[in-house]
PDB file of N, CA and C in Angstrom:
ATOM      1  N   MET A   1       4.698-112.176  90.294  1.00  0.00           N
ATOM      2  CA  MET A   1       5.825-111.895  89.440  1.00  0.00           C
ATOM      3  C   MET A   1       5.467-110.630  88.744  1.00  0.00           C
ATOM      4  N   SER A   2       6.649-109.952  88.419  1.00  0.00           N
ATOM      5  CA  SER A   2       6.495-108.797  87.682  1.00  0.00           C
ATOM      6  C   SER A   2       7.664-108.700  86.707  1.00  0.00           C
ATOM      7  N   ALA A   3       7.747-107.743  85.866  1.00  0.00           N
ATOM      8  CA  ALA A   3       8.848-107.630  84.891  1.00  0.00           C
ATOM      9  C   ALA A   3      10.210-107.475  85.578  1.00  0.00           C
ATOM     10  N   SER A   4      10.075-107.042  86.951  1.00  0.00           N
ATOM     11  CA  SER A   4      11.308-106.858  87.659  1.00  0.00           C
ATOM     12  C   SER A   4      11.797-108.014  88.508  1.00  0.00           C
ATOM     13  N   THR A   5      11.009-109.073  88.404  1.00  0.00           N
ATOM     14  CA  THR A   5      11.355-110.400  89.132  1.00  0.00           C
ATOM     15  C   THR A   5      11.103-111.606  88.301  1.00  0.00           C
ATOM     16  N   LEU A   6      11.836-112.624  88.502  1.00  0.00           N
ATOM     17  CA  LEU A   6      11.585-113.811  87.811  1.00  0.00           C
ATOM     18  C   LEU A   6      10.516-114.731  88.546  1.00  0.00           C
ATOM     19  N   SER A   7       9.689-115.367  87.859  1.00  0.00           N
ATOM     20  CA  SER A   7       8.730-116.231  88.468  1.00  0.00           C
ATOM     21  C   SER A   7       9.495-117.414  89.001  1.00  0.00           C
ATOM     22  N   PRO A   8       8.930-118.075  90.069  1.00  0.00           N
ATOM     23  CA  PRO A   8       9.549-119.255  90.642  1.00  0.00           C
ATOM     24  C   PRO A   8       9.828-120.287  89.638  1.00  0.00           C
ATOM     25  N   LEU A   9       8.993-120.384  88.716  1.00  0.00           N
ATOM     26  CA  LEU A   9       9.278-121.551  87.573  1.00  0.00           C
ATOM     27  C   LEU A   9      10.385-121.218  86.778  1.00  0.00           C
ATOM     28  N   VAL A  10      10.489-119.947  86.282  1.00  0.00           N
ATOM     29  CA  VAL A  10      11.602-119.473  85.479  1.00  0.00           C
ATOM     30  C   VAL A  10      12.868-119.592  86.202  1.00  0.00           C
ATOM     31  N   ALA A  11      12.900-119.124  87.485  1.00  0.00           N
ATOM     32  CA  ALA A  11      14.066-119.306  88.340  1.00  0.00           C
ATOM     33  C   ALA A  11      14.541-120.784  88.492  1.00  0.00           C
ATOM     34  N   ALA A  12      13.567-121.685  88.734  1.00  0.00           N
ATOM     35  CA  ALA A  12      13.859-123.110  88.892  1.00  0.00           C
ATOM     36  C   ALA A  12      14.461-123.689  87.520  1.00  0.00           C
ATOM     37  N   VAL A  13      13.863-123.329  86.433  1.00  0.00           N
ATOM     38  CA  VAL A  13      14.413-123.792  85.182  1.00  0.00           C
ATOM     39  C   VAL A  13      15.781-123.194  84.986  1.00  0.00           C
ATOM     40  N   LEU A  14      15.977-122.011  85.263  1.00  0.00           N
ATOM     41  CA  LEU A  14      17.321-121.355  85.112  1.00  0.00           C
ATOM     42  C   LEU A  14      18.404-122.131  85.864  1.00  0.00           C
ATOM     43  N   VAL A  15      18.150-122.342  87.240  1.00  0.00           N
ATOM     44  CA  VAL A  15      18.950-123.166  87.956  1.00  0.00           C
ATOM     45  C   VAL A  15      19.309-124.509  87.509  1.00  0.00           C
ATOM     46  N   ARG A  16      18.327-125.225  86.970  1.00  0.00           N
ATOM     47  CA  ARG A  16      18.487-126.584  86.464  1.00  0.00           C
ATOM     48  C   ARG A  16      19.301-126.539  85.184  1.00  0.00           C
ATOM     49  N   GLN A  17      19.114-125.608  84.343  1.00  0.00           N
ATOM     50  CA  GLN A  17      19.692-125.629  82.988  1.00  0.00           C
ATOM     51  C   GLN A  17      21.114-125.025  83.095  1.00  0.00           C
ATOM     52  N   PHE A  18      21.395-124.189  84.034  1.00  0.00           N
ATOM     53  CA  PHE A  18      22.682-123.553  84.106  1.00  0.00           C
ATOM     54  C   PHE A  18      23.235-123.701  85.486  1.00  0.00           C
ATOM     55  N   PRO A  19      23.501-125.019  85.926  1.00  0.00           N
ATOM     56  CA  PRO A  19      23.977-125.178  87.259  1.00  0.00           C
ATOM     57  C   PRO A  19      25.246-124.583  87.613  1.00  0.00           C
ATOM     58  N   SER A  20      26.225-124.441  86.591  1.00  0.00           N
ATOM     59  CA  SER A  20      27.619-123.951  86.864  1.00  0.00           C
ATOM     60  C   SER A  20      27.736-122.507  86.263  1.00  0.00           C
ATOM     61  N   ALA A  21      26.730-121.963  85.701  1.00  0.00           N
ATOM     62  CA  ALA A  21      26.868-120.637  85.181  1.00  0.00           C
ATOM     63  C   ALA A  21      26.622-119.467  86.300  1.00  0.00           C
ATOM     64  N   ASP A  22      26.931-118.372  85.894  1.00  0.00           N
ATOM     65  CA  ASP A  22      26.720-117.194  86.754  1.00  0.00           C
ATOM     66  C   ASP A  22      25.270-116.891  86.794  1.00  0.00           C
ATOM     67  N   LEU A  23      24.433-117.429  87.603  1.00  0.00           N
ATOM     68  CA  LEU A  23      23.054-117.334  87.702  1.00  0.00           C
ATOM     69  C   LEU A  23      22.557-115.941  87.851  1.00  0.00           C
ATOM     70  N   THR A  24      23.318-115.169  88.604  1.00  0.00           N
ATOM     71  CA  THR A  24      22.978-113.706  88.856  1.00  0.00           C
ATOM     72  C   THR A  24      22.985-113.007  87.538  1.00  0.00           C
ATOM     73  N   ALA A  25      24.098-113.201  86.788  1.00  0.00           N
ATOM     74  CA  ALA A  25      24.248-112.454  85.540  1.00  0.00           C
ATOM     75  C   ALA A  25      23.145-112.906  84.450  1.00  0.00           C
ATOM     76  N   LEU A  26      22.731-114.181  84.546  1.00  0.00           N
ATOM     77  CA  LEU A  26      21.700-114.545  83.635  1.00  0.00           C
ATOM     78  C   LEU A  26      20.456-114.041  84.050  1.00  0.00           C
ATOM     79  N   ALA A  27      20.090-114.000  85.316  1.00  0.00           N
ATOM     80  CA  ALA A  27      18.778-113.460  85.825  1.00  0.00           C
ATOM     81  C   ALA A  27      18.726-112.016  85.545  1.00  0.00           C
ATOM     82  N   ASP A  28      19.847-111.309  85.738  1.00  0.00           N
ATOM     83  CA  ASP A  28      19.930-109.832  85.460  1.00  0.00           C
ATOM     84  C   ASP A  28      19.609-109.595  84.039  1.00  0.00           C
ATOM     85  N   LEU A  29      20.173-110.474  83.074  1.00  0.00           N
ATOM     86  CA  LEU A  29      19.857-110.325  81.682  1.00  0.00           C
ATOM     87  C   LEU A  29      18.428-110.483  81.382  1.00  0.00           C
ATOM     88  N   PHE A  30      17.807-111.406  81.936  1.00  0.00           N
ATOM     89  CA  PHE A  30      16.315-111.599  81.650  1.00  0.00           C
ATOM     90  C   PHE A  30      15.591-110.358  82.139  1.00  0.00           C
ATOM     91  N   LEU A  31      16.005-109.859  83.326  1.00  0.00           N
ATOM     92  CA  LEU A  31      15.291-108.749  83.871  1.00  0.00           C
ATOM     93  C   LEU A  31      15.462-107.483  83.193  1.00  0.00           C
ATOM     94  N   SER A  32      16.718-107.276  82.653  1.00  0.00           N
ATOM     95  CA  SER A  32      16.972-105.973  81.989  1.00  0.00           C
ATOM     96  C   SER A  32      16.608-106.102  80.464  1.00  0.00           C
ATOM     97  N   ASP A  33      16.618-107.206  79.808  1.00  0.00           N
ATOM     98  CA  ASP A  33      16.447-107.289  78.325  1.00  0.00           C
ATOM     99  C   ASP A  33      15.231-108.088  77.884  1.00  0.00           C
ATOM    100  N   CYS A  34      14.649-108.789  78.754  1.00  0.00           N
ATOM    101  CA  CYS A  34      13.529-109.666  78.483  1.00  0.00           C
ATOM    102  C   CYS A  34      12.325-109.461  79.536  1.00  0.00           C
ATOM    103  N   GLY A  35      11.820-108.210  79.466  1.00  0.00           N
ATOM    104  CA  GLY A  35      10.865-107.862  80.453  1.00  0.00           C
ATOM    105  C   GLY A  35       9.957-106.779  79.913  1.00  0.00           C
ATOM    106  N   SER A  36       9.735-105.745  80.545  1.00  0.00           N
ATOM    107  CA  SER A  36       8.857-104.691  80.144  1.00  0.00           C
ATOM    108  C   SER A  36       9.256-104.045  78.931  1.00  0.00           C
ATOM    109  N   ASN A  37      10.479-104.289  78.426  1.00  0.00           N
ATOM    110  CA  ASN A  37      10.851-103.617  77.147  1.00  0.00           C
ATOM    111  C   ASN A  37      10.432-104.423  76.033  1.00  0.00           C
ATOM    112  N   LEU A  38       9.887-105.625  76.197  1.00  0.00           N
ATOM    113  CA  LEU A  38       9.368-106.349  74.947  1.00  0.00           C
ATOM    114  C   LEU A  38       8.158-105.757  74.524  1.00  0.00           C
ATOM    115  N   PRO A  39       8.131-105.649  73.057  1.00  0.00           N
ATOM    116  CA  PRO A  39       6.841-104.991  72.478  1.00  0.00           C
ATOM    117  C   PRO A  39       5.537-105.674  72.811  1.00  0.00           C
ATOM    118  N   LEU A  40       4.541-104.967  73.258  1.00  0.00           N
ATOM    119  CA  LEU A  40       3.182-105.488  73.379  1.00  0.00           C
ATOM    120  C   LEU A  40       3.077-106.551  74.397  1.00  0.00           C
ATOM    121  N   VAL A  41       3.951-106.537  75.406  1.00  0.00           N
ATOM    122  CA  VAL A  41       3.804-107.576  76.497  1.00  0.00           C
ATOM    123  C   VAL A  41       3.368-106.928  77.777  1.00  0.00           C
ATOM    124  N   ALA A  42       2.115-107.077  78.098  1.00  0.00           N
ATOM    125  CA  ALA A  42       1.645-106.362  79.381  1.00  0.00           C
ATOM    126  C   ALA A  42       1.224-107.407  80.326  1.00  0.00           C
ATOM    127  N   ASP A  43       1.207-108.601  79.875  1.00  0.00           N
ATOM    128  CA  ASP A  43       0.603-109.774  80.699  1.00  0.00           C
ATOM    129  C   ASP A  43       1.804-110.506  81.360  1.00  0.00           C
ATOM    130  N   GLU A  44       1.702-110.794  82.619  1.00  0.00           N
ATOM    131  CA  GLU A  44       2.784-111.475  83.372  1.00  0.00           C
ATOM    132  C   GLU A  44       2.932-112.920  82.943  1.00  0.00           C
ATOM    133  N   ALA A  45       1.716-113.548  82.634  1.00  0.00           N
ATOM    134  CA  ALA A  45       1.703-114.959  82.135  1.00  0.00           C
ATOM    135  C   ALA A  45       2.444-114.998  80.827  1.00  0.00           C
ATOM    136  N   LEU A  46       2.257-114.024  79.963  1.00  0.00           N
ATOM    137  CA  LEU A  46       2.945-114.079  78.694  1.00  0.00           C
ATOM    138  C   LEU A  46       4.417-113.897  78.806  1.00  0.00           C
ATOM    139  N   LEU A  47       4.851-112.958  79.706  1.00  0.00           N
ATOM    140  CA  LEU A  47       6.220-112.750  79.923  1.00  0.00           C
ATOM    141  C   LEU A  47       6.925-114.055  80.434  1.00  0.00           C
ATOM    142  N   GLU A  48       6.283-114.705  81.313  1.00  0.00           N
ATOM    143  CA  GLU A  48       6.865-116.025  81.868  1.00  0.00           C
ATOM    144  C   GLU A  48       6.908-116.943  80.708  1.00  0.00           C
ATOM    145  N   ARG A  49       5.925-117.073  79.866  1.00  0.00           N
ATOM    146  CA  ARG A  49       5.942-117.934  78.617  1.00  0.00           C
ATOM    147  C   ARG A  49       7.122-117.622  77.636  1.00  0.00           C
ATOM    148  N   ILE A  50       7.372-116.342  77.468  1.00  0.00           N
ATOM    149  CA  ILE A  50       8.451-115.963  76.583  1.00  0.00           C
ATOM    150  C   ILE A  50       9.793-116.300  77.239  1.00  0.00           C
ATOM    151  N   ARG A  51       9.989-115.998  78.512  1.00  0.00           N
ATOM    152  CA  ARG A  51      11.243-116.259  79.153  1.00  0.00           C
ATOM    153  C   ARG A  51      11.453-117.751  79.076  1.00  0.00           C
ATOM    154  N   LEU A  52      10.389-118.601  79.381  1.00  0.00           N
ATOM    155  CA  LEU A  52      10.665-120.059  79.316  1.00  0.00           C
ATOM    156  C   LEU A  52      11.016-120.452  77.876  1.00  0.00           C
ATOM    157  N   ALA A  53      10.379-119.844  76.906  1.00  0.00           N
ATOM    158  CA  ALA A  53      10.697-120.150  75.501  1.00  0.00           C
ATOM    159  C   ALA A  53      12.272-119.926  75.177  1.00  0.00           C
ATOM    160  N   VAL A  54      12.711-118.877  75.708  1.00  0.00           N
ATOM    161  CA  VAL A  54      14.055-118.419  75.570  1.00  0.00           C
ATOM    162  C   VAL A  54      14.955-119.490  76.263  1.00  0.00           C
ATOM    163  N   LEU A  55      14.617-119.892  77.347  1.00  0.00           N
ATOM    164  CA  LEU A  55      15.434-120.961  78.137  1.00  0.00           C
ATOM    165  C   LEU A  55      15.433-122.286  77.285  1.00  0.00           C
ATOM    166  N   ARG A  56      14.238-122.590  76.836  1.00  0.00           N
ATOM    167  CA  ARG A  56      14.101-123.857  76.054  1.00  0.00           C
ATOM    168  C   ARG A  56      14.957-123.827  74.938  1.00  0.00           C
ATOM    169  N   LEU A  57      14.966-122.755  74.130  1.00  0.00           N
ATOM    170  CA  LEU A  57      15.768-122.580  72.888  1.00  0.00           C
ATOM    171  C   LEU A  57      17.292-122.557  73.210  1.00  0.00           C
ATOM    172  N   ALA A  58      17.704-121.975  74.295  1.00  0.00           N
ATOM    173  CA  ALA A  58      19.053-121.845  74.665  1.00  0.00           C
ATOM    174  C   ALA A  58      19.668-123.201  75.014  1.00  0.00           C
ATOM    175  N   GLY A  59      18.802-124.089  75.508  1.00  0.00           N
ATOM    176  CA  GLY A  59      19.245-125.405  75.779  1.00  0.00           C
ATOM    177  C   GLY A  59      20.463-125.557  76.762  1.00  0.00           C
ATOM    178  N   GLY A  60      20.567-124.737  77.647  1.00  0.00           N
ATOM    179  CA  GLY A  60      21.643-124.820  78.712  1.00  0.00           C
ATOM    180  C   GLY A  60      22.918-124.111  78.145  1.00  0.00           C
ATOM    181  N   HIS A  61      22.881-123.412  77.115  1.00  0.00           N
ATOM    182  CA  HIS A  61      24.114-122.630  76.574  1.00  0.00           C
ATOM    183  C   HIS A  61      23.995-121.154  76.954  1.00  0.00           C
ATOM    184  N   SER A  62      24.765-120.655  77.893  1.00  0.00           N
ATOM    185  CA  SER A  62      24.610-119.296  78.318  1.00  0.00           C
ATOM    186  C   SER A  62      24.736-118.371  77.200  1.00  0.00           C
ATOM    187  N   ALA A  63      25.567-118.540  76.232  1.00  0.00           N
ATOM    188  CA  ALA A  63      25.672-117.593  75.039  1.00  0.00           C
ATOM    189  C   ALA A  63      24.423-117.601  74.181  1.00  0.00           C
ATOM    190  N   ALA A  64      23.765-118.652  74.087  1.00  0.00           N
ATOM    191  CA  ALA A  64      22.568-118.600  73.358  1.00  0.00           C
ATOM    192  C   ALA A  64      21.388-117.910  73.961  1.00  0.00           C
ATOM    193  N   VAL A  65      21.403-117.609  75.326  1.00  0.00           N
ATOM    194  CA  VAL A  65      20.404-116.851  76.017  1.00  0.00           C
ATOM    195  C   VAL A  65      20.167-115.508  75.473  1.00  0.00           C
ATOM    196  N   LEU A  66      21.296-114.814  75.234  1.00  0.00           N
ATOM    197  CA  LEU A  66      21.356-113.399  74.661  1.00  0.00           C
ATOM    198  C   LEU A  66      20.837-113.437  73.302  1.00  0.00           C
ATOM    199  N   ASP A  67      21.210-114.440  72.459  1.00  0.00           N
ATOM    200  CA  ASP A  67      20.735-114.516  71.002  1.00  0.00           C
ATOM    201  C   ASP A  67      19.146-114.583  71.035  1.00  0.00           C
ATOM    202  N   HIS A  68      18.578-115.524  71.866  1.00  0.00           N
ATOM    203  CA  HIS A  68      17.189-115.703  71.882  1.00  0.00           C
ATOM    204  C   HIS A  68      16.409-114.496  72.467  1.00  0.00           C
ATOM    205  N   ILE A  69      17.033-113.851  73.406  1.00  0.00           N
ATOM    206  CA  ILE A  69      16.466-112.713  73.925  1.00  0.00           C
ATOM    207  C   ILE A  69      16.333-111.549  72.897  1.00  0.00           C
ATOM    208  N   ARG A  70      17.411-111.376  72.153  1.00  0.00           N
ATOM    209  CA  ARG A  70      17.420-110.482  71.000  1.00  0.00           C
ATOM    210  C   ARG A  70      16.381-110.809  70.051  1.00  0.00           C
ATOM    211  N   ALA A  71      16.228-112.088  69.762  1.00  0.00           N
ATOM    212  CA  ALA A  71      15.116-112.411  68.755  1.00  0.00           C
ATOM    213  C   ALA A  71      13.718-112.095  69.325  1.00  0.00           C
ATOM    214  N   ALA A  72      13.575-112.228  70.682  1.00  0.00           N
ATOM    215  CA  ALA A  72      12.304-112.024  71.372  1.00  0.00           C
ATOM    216  C   ALA A  72      12.068-110.435  71.252  1.00  0.00           C
ATOM    217  N   GLN A  73      13.154-109.635  71.333  1.00  0.00           N
ATOM    218  CA  GLN A  73      12.953-108.208  71.300  1.00  0.00           C
ATOM    219  C   GLN A  73      12.419-107.783  70.009  1.00  0.00           C
ATOM    220  N   ILE A  74      12.753-108.505  68.924  1.00  0.00           N
ATOM    221  CA  ILE A  74      12.319-108.269  67.630  1.00  0.00           C
ATOM    222  C   ILE A  74      10.858-108.610  67.371  1.00  0.00           C
ATOM    223  N   ASP A  75      10.569-109.907  67.643  1.00  0.00           N
ATOM    224  CA  ASP A  75       9.259-110.438  67.598  1.00  0.00           C
ATOM    225  C   ASP A  75       9.208-111.714  68.468  1.00  0.00           C
ATOM    226  N   TRP A  76       8.722-111.506  69.661  1.00  0.00           N
ATOM    227  CA  TRP A  76       8.661-112.751  70.699  1.00  0.00           C
ATOM    228  C   TRP A  76       7.742-113.771  70.147  1.00  0.00           C
ATOM    229  N   ARG A  77       6.910-113.595  69.156  1.00  0.00           N
ATOM    230  CA  ARG A  77       6.079-114.657  68.646  1.00  0.00           C
ATOM    231  C   ARG A  77       6.857-115.687  68.035  1.00  0.00           C
ATOM    232  N   ASP A  78       7.974-115.232  67.332  1.00  0.00           N
ATOM    233  CA  ASP A  78       8.792-116.216  66.676  1.00  0.00           C
ATOM    234  C   ASP A  78       9.579-117.043  67.675  1.00  0.00           C
ATOM    235  N   VAL A  79       9.848-116.564  68.786  1.00  0.00           N
ATOM    236  CA  VAL A  79      10.524-117.389  69.883  1.00  0.00           C
ATOM    237  C   VAL A  79       9.564-118.428  70.433  1.00  0.00           C
ATOM    238  N   LEU A  80       8.291-118.066  70.740  1.00  0.00           N
ATOM    239  CA  LEU A  80       7.371-118.880  71.165  1.00  0.00           C
ATOM    240  C   LEU A  80       7.161-120.071  70.183  1.00  0.00           C
ATOM    241  N   VAL A  81       7.011-119.759  68.882  1.00  0.00           N
ATOM    242  CA  VAL A  81       6.867-120.776  67.941  1.00  0.00           C
ATOM    243  C   VAL A  81       8.018-121.750  67.730  1.00  0.00           C
ATOM    244  N   ALA A  82       9.264-121.166  67.782  1.00  0.00           N
ATOM    245  CA  ALA A  82      10.442-121.927  67.624  1.00  0.00           C
ATOM    246  C   ALA A  82      10.638-122.853  68.872  1.00  0.00           C
ATOM    247  N   ALA A  83      10.138-122.499  70.099  1.00  0.00           N
ATOM    248  CA  ALA A  83      10.164-123.333  71.150  1.00  0.00           C
ATOM    249  C   ALA A  83       9.108-124.305  71.423  1.00  0.00           C
ATOM    250  N   GLY A  84       8.093-124.248  70.433  1.00  0.00           N
ATOM    251  CA  GLY A  84       7.019-125.223  70.495  1.00  0.00           C
ATOM    252  C   GLY A  84       5.840-124.737  71.398  1.00  0.00           C
ATOM    253  N   PHE A  85       5.936-123.437  71.867  1.00  0.00           N
ATOM    254  CA  PHE A  85       5.004-122.895  72.696  1.00  0.00           C
ATOM    255  C   PHE A  85       4.009-121.984  71.978  1.00  0.00           C
ATOM    256  N   GLY A  86       3.895-122.009  70.671  1.00  0.00           N
ATOM    257  CA  GLY A  86       3.126-121.104  69.898  1.00  0.00           C
ATOM    258  C   GLY A  86       1.607-121.423  69.896  1.00  0.00           C
ATOM    259  N   ASN A  87       1.239-122.633  69.854  1.00  0.00           N
ATOM    260  CA  ASN A  87      -0.034-123.144  69.677  1.00  0.00           C
ATOM    261  C   ASN A  87      -0.821-123.449  70.932  1.00  0.00           C
ATOM    262  N   ASP A  88      -0.089-123.926  71.948  1.00  0.00           N
ATOM    263  CA  ASP A  88      -0.615-124.433  73.239  1.00  0.00           C
ATOM    264  C   ASP A  88      -0.239-123.545  74.344  1.00  0.00           C
ATOM    265  N   LEU A  89      -1.243-122.931  74.926  1.00  0.00           N
ATOM    266  CA  LEU A  89      -1.059-122.054  76.018  1.00  0.00           C
ATOM    267  C   LEU A  89      -0.453-122.615  77.339  1.00  0.00           C
ATOM    268  N   ARG A  90      -0.453-123.892  77.389  1.00  0.00           N
ATOM    269  CA  ARG A  90       0.083-124.564  78.589  1.00  0.00           C
ATOM    270  C   ARG A  90       1.358-125.353  78.246  1.00  0.00           C
ATOM    271  N   ALA A  91       1.863-125.389  77.078  1.00  0.00           N
ATOM    272  CA  ALA A  91       2.979-126.304  76.669  1.00  0.00           C
ATOM    273  C   ALA A  91       4.308-125.880  77.472  1.00  0.00           C
ATOM    274  N   HIS A  92       4.440-124.489  77.625  1.00  0.00           N
ATOM    275  CA  HIS A  92       5.564-124.021  78.454  1.00  0.00           C
ATOM    276  C   HIS A  92       5.546-124.486  79.950  1.00  0.00           C
ATOM    277  N   LEU A  93       4.251-124.546  80.555  1.00  0.00           N
ATOM    278  CA  LEU A  93       4.244-125.098  81.779  1.00  0.00           C
ATOM    279  C   LEU A  93       4.654-126.466  82.001  1.00  0.00           C
ATOM    280  N   VAL A  94       4.069-127.309  81.068  1.00  0.00           N
ATOM    281  CA  VAL A  94       4.445-128.721  81.126  1.00  0.00           C
ATOM    282  C   VAL A  94       5.967-128.894  80.827  1.00  0.00           C
ATOM    283  N   TRP A  95       6.565-128.217  79.965  1.00  0.00           N
ATOM    284  CA  TRP A  95       7.951-128.347  79.724  1.00  0.00           C
ATOM    285  C   TRP A  95       8.746-127.834  80.994  1.00  0.00           C
ATOM    286  N   ALA A  96       8.467-126.760  81.495  1.00  0.00           N
ATOM    287  CA  ALA A  96       9.196-126.117  82.623  1.00  0.00           C
ATOM    288  C   ALA A  96       8.999-126.971  83.781  1.00  0.00           C
ATOM    289  N   THR A  97       7.895-127.514  84.100  1.00  0.00           N
ATOM    290  CA  THR A  97       7.597-128.278  85.300  1.00  0.00           C
ATOM    291  C   THR A  97       8.545-129.528  85.235  1.00  0.00           C
ATOM    292  N   GLU A  98       8.592-130.104  84.038  1.00  0.00           N
ATOM    293  CA  GLU A  98       9.414-131.311  83.862  1.00  0.00           C
ATOM    294  C   GLU A  98      10.795-131.049  84.043  1.00  0.00           C
ATOM    295  N   VAL A  99      11.359-130.039  83.519  1.00  0.00           N
ATOM    296  CA  VAL A  99      12.770-129.484  83.707  1.00  0.00           C
ATOM    297  C   VAL A  99      13.068-129.253  85.167  1.00  0.00           C
ATOM    298  N   ALA A 100      12.178-128.509  85.879  1.00  0.00           N
ATOM    299  CA  ALA A 100      12.384-128.120  87.247  1.00  0.00           C
ATOM    300  C   ALA A 100      12.476-129.328  88.194  1.00  0.00           C
ATOM    301  N   ARG A 101      11.809-130.410  87.747  1.00  0.00           N
ATOM    302  CA  ARG A 101      11.792-131.589  88.514  1.00  0.00           C
ATOM    303  C   ARG A 101      12.990-132.549  88.501  1.00  0.00           C
ATOM    304  N   ARG A 102      13.769-132.278  87.464  1.00  0.00           N
ATOM    305  CA  ARG A 102      14.903-133.149  87.296  1.00  0.00           C
ATOM    306  C   ARG A 102      15.926-132.934  88.306  1.00  0.00           C
TER     307      ARG A 102
END
């Protein structure tokens, strides 16, 4: 995975949470606005964690994705904490794996 692609887990959660949405537009939004442009994010694992936090907070509402991406652009740590991924470095994987299996 790189900032220019979505990880398989992020893509799977995106499909599960937004089955009737324009997935291409949402994926493009993540790639353009929630990637290498985030401050102090140089680690691919951290980028996946942030993207999954945005998806969790959006709760399947397309309009909320942009709001949470904007919050991540200001301070992505707030997004991690709000999603419940702030203290446990594996919490995002547990949540996303569960969502992807549904």
